[in-house]
């Protein structure tokens, strides 16, 4: 079952958590008209400065999904990600590789 990663209602934040049995660091940065993300998995930079788009994989690399799983930011009505709406109408989900059909 997908795991919801709790986000704060602040413009810039960093979350350290265990996902899929390895440490992840997720950093969200408000860029004014968009939100960017940095992701480090088990000490390896995976994504740096990636713009988040609603309802699409945060890192679109299928070969990483097979190893690490995937992150998706769901937003109601396809809205652009907005820190003021985190955990109200926008949620960050983590899916294990098996949940992605890998």
C-alpha atoms as a PDB file:
ATOM      1  CA  UNK A   1       0.000   0.000   0.000  1.00  0.00           C
ATOM      2  CA  UNK A   2       1.282   3.477  -0.846  1.00  0.00           C
ATOM      3  CA  UNK A   3       2.762   5.482   1.994  1.00  0.00           C
ATOM      4  CA  UNK A   4       1.881   9.141   2.493  1.00  0.00           C
ATOM      5  CA  UNK A   5       4.929  11.239   3.328  1.00  0.00           C
ATOM      6  CA  UNK A   6       3.914  13.983   5.728  1.00  0.00           C
ATOM      7  CA  UNK A   7       4.736  17.456   4.423  1.00  0.00           C
ATOM      8  CA  UNK A   8       4.673  20.697   6.390  1.00  0.00           C
ATOM      9  CA  UNK A   9       2.895  23.839   5.301  1.00  0.00           C
ATOM     10  CA  UNK A  10       6.128  25.786   4.904  1.00  0.00           C
ATOM     11  CA  UNK A  11       7.726  26.932   1.632  1.00  0.00           C
ATOM     12  CA  UNK A  12      11.078  25.148   2.068  1.00  0.00           C
ATOM     13  CA  UNK A  13      11.536  21.886   3.936  1.00  0.00           C
ATOM     14  CA  UNK A  14      13.702  18.812   4.226  1.00  0.00           C
ATOM     15  CA  UNK A  15      12.445  15.376   5.227  1.00  0.00           C
ATOM     16  CA  UNK A  16      14.626  12.424   6.203  1.00  0.00           C
ATOM     17  CA  UNK A  17      12.817   9.088   6.299  1.00  0.00           C
ATOM     18  CA  UNK A  18      13.233   5.382   5.651  1.00  0.00           C
ATOM     19  CA  UNK A  19      11.484   4.181   2.483  1.00  0.00           C
ATOM     20  CA  UNK A  20      11.912   0.716   1.065  1.00  0.00           C
ATOM     21  CA  UNK A  21      14.402  -0.060   3.823  1.00  0.00           C
ATOM     22  CA  UNK A  22      16.875   2.691   2.861  1.00  0.00           C
ATOM     23  CA  UNK A  23      17.304   6.309   4.014  1.00  0.00           C
ATOM     24  CA  UNK A  24      15.811   9.019   1.808  1.00  0.00           C
ATOM     25  CA  UNK A  25      16.309  12.776   2.096  1.00  0.00           C
ATOM     26  CA  UNK A  26      13.664  14.826   0.311  1.00  0.00           C
ATOM     27  CA  UNK A  27      14.114  18.590   0.064  1.00  0.00           C
ATOM     28  CA  UNK A  28      11.288  20.755  -1.294  1.00  0.00           C
ATOM     29  CA  UNK A  29      11.997  24.325  -2.365  1.00  0.00           C
ATOM     30  CA  UNK A  30       9.436  26.983  -3.246  1.00  0.00           C
ATOM     31  CA  UNK A  31      10.537  28.727  -6.461  1.00  0.00           C
ATOM     32  CA  UNK A  32       7.694  31.224  -6.642  1.00  0.00           C
ATOM     33  CA  UNK A  33       5.627  29.870  -9.520  1.00  0.00           C
ATOM     34  CA  UNK A  34       6.689  26.241  -9.002  1.00  0.00           C
ATOM     35  CA  UNK A  35       8.131  23.810  -6.464  1.00  0.00           C
ATOM     36  CA  UNK A  36      11.451  22.030  -6.954  1.00  0.00           C
ATOM     37  CA  UNK A  37      12.730  18.881  -5.280  1.00  0.00           C
ATOM     38  CA  UNK A  38      16.083  17.329  -4.425  1.00  0.00           C
ATOM     39  CA  UNK A  39      16.144  13.615  -3.574  1.00  0.00           C
ATOM     40  CA  UNK A  40      18.993  11.608  -2.081  1.00  0.00           C
ATOM     41  CA  UNK A  41      18.557   7.860  -1.625  1.00  0.00           C
ATOM     42  CA  UNK A  42      21.004   5.932   0.559  1.00  0.00           C
ATOM     43  CA  UNK A  43      23.512   8.784   0.194  1.00  0.00           C
ATOM     44  CA  UNK A  44      23.241   8.858  -3.628  1.00  0.00           C
ATOM     45  CA  UNK A  45      21.834  12.001  -5.268  1.00  0.00           C
ATOM     46  CA  UNK A  46      18.905  10.914  -7.409  1.00  0.00           C
ATOM     47  CA  UNK A  47      17.287  14.209  -8.414  1.00  0.00           C
ATOM     48  CA  UNK A  48      18.485  17.778  -7.957  1.00  0.00           C
ATOM     49  CA  UNK A  49      16.353  20.825  -8.706  1.00  0.00           C
ATOM     50  CA  UNK A  50      13.623  18.807 -10.445  1.00  0.00           C
ATOM     51  CA  UNK A  51      10.415  20.776 -10.959  1.00  0.00           C
ATOM     52  CA  UNK A  52       7.435  18.927  -9.485  1.00  0.00           C
ATOM     53  CA  UNK A  53       4.452  18.505 -11.769  1.00  0.00           C
ATOM     54  CA  UNK A  54       1.153  17.302 -10.333  1.00  0.00           C
ATOM     55  CA  UNK A  55       0.082  13.692 -10.723  1.00  0.00           C
ATOM     56  CA  UNK A  56       3.235  12.526 -12.522  1.00  0.00           C
ATOM     57  CA  UNK A  57       6.283  10.643 -11.260  1.00  0.00           C
ATOM     58  CA  UNK A  58       8.706  12.965  -9.517  1.00  0.00           C
ATOM     59  CA  UNK A  59      11.661  11.178 -11.063  1.00  0.00           C
ATOM     60  CA  UNK A  60      10.698   9.673 -14.409  1.00  0.00           C
ATOM     61  CA  UNK A  61      13.416   7.027 -14.563  1.00  0.00           C
ATOM     62  CA  UNK A  62      11.877   3.549 -14.699  1.00  0.00           C
ATOM     63  CA  UNK A  63      15.195   1.876 -13.885  1.00  0.00           C
ATOM     64  CA  UNK A  64      15.224   3.733 -10.521  1.00  0.00           C
ATOM     65  CA  UNK A  65      11.632   2.657  -9.814  1.00  0.00           C
ATOM     66  CA  UNK A  66      12.782  -0.963 -10.029  1.00  0.00           C
ATOM     67  CA  UNK A  67      15.372  -0.302  -7.317  1.00  0.00           C
ATOM     68  CA  UNK A  68      13.946   2.480  -5.145  1.00  0.00           C
ATOM     69  CA  UNK A  69      10.223   2.745  -5.842  1.00  0.00           C
ATOM     70  CA  UNK A  70       8.614   6.016  -6.835  1.00  0.00           C
ATOM     71  CA  UNK A  71       7.306   9.328  -5.518  1.00  0.00           C
ATOM     72  CA  UNK A  72       4.184  11.067  -6.815  1.00  0.00           C
ATOM     73  CA  UNK A  73       2.588  14.313  -5.681  1.00  0.00           C
ATOM     74  CA  UNK A  74      -1.181  14.067  -6.021  1.00  0.00           C
ATOM     75  CA  UNK A  75      -3.078  17.349  -6.218  1.00  0.00           C
ATOM     76  CA  UNK A  76      -6.820  17.775  -6.343  1.00  0.00           C
ATOM     77  CA  UNK A  77      -8.018  19.177  -9.674  1.00  0.00           C
ATOM     78  CA  UNK A  78      -4.492  18.913 -11.151  1.00  0.00           C
ATOM     79  CA  UNK A  79      -3.402  22.109  -9.388  1.00  0.00           C
ATOM     80  CA  UNK A  80       0.250  23.091  -9.424  1.00  0.00           C
ATOM     81  CA  UNK A  81       2.084  22.008  -6.275  1.00  0.00           C
ATOM     82  CA  UNK A  82       1.722  24.656  -3.570  1.00  0.00           C
ATOM     83  CA  UNK A  83       3.176  24.320  -0.070  1.00  0.00           C
ATOM     84  CA  UNK A  84       0.119  26.065   1.409  1.00  0.00           C
ATOM     85  CA  UNK A  85      -2.005  23.095   0.262  1.00  0.00           C
ATOM     86  CA  UNK A  86       0.289  20.267   1.419  1.00  0.00           C
ATOM     87  CA  UNK A  87      -1.675  17.640   3.370  1.00  0.00           C
ATOM     88  CA  UNK A  88      -4.905  19.535   2.697  1.00  0.00           C
ATOM     89  CA  UNK A  89      -5.500  18.948  -1.006  1.00  0.00           C
ATOM     90  CA  UNK A  90      -2.003  17.823  -2.052  1.00  0.00           C
ATOM     91  CA  UNK A  91      -0.188  14.713  -0.829  1.00  0.00           C
ATOM     92  CA  UNK A  92       3.202  13.140  -1.480  1.00  0.00           C
ATOM     93  CA  UNK A  93       3.022   9.363  -1.971  1.00  0.00           C
ATOM     94  CA  UNK A  94       5.756   6.729  -1.978  1.00  0.00           C
ATOM     95  CA  UNK A  95       5.187   3.454  -3.831  1.00  0.00           C
ATOM     96  CA  UNK A  96       7.338   0.337  -3.410  1.00  0.00           C
ATOM     97  CA  UNK A  97       8.724  -1.154  -6.662  1.00  0.00           C
ATOM     98  CA  UNK A  98       6.224  -4.024  -6.418  1.00  0.00           C
ATOM     99  CA  UNK A  99       3.338  -1.535  -6.257  1.00  0.00           C
ATOM    100  CA  UNK A 100       4.572  -0.023  -9.521  1.00  0.00           C
ATOM    101  CA  UNK A 101       4.548  -3.392 -11.237  1.00  0.00           C
ATOM    102  CA  UNK A 102       8.321  -3.691 -11.219  1.00  0.00           C
END
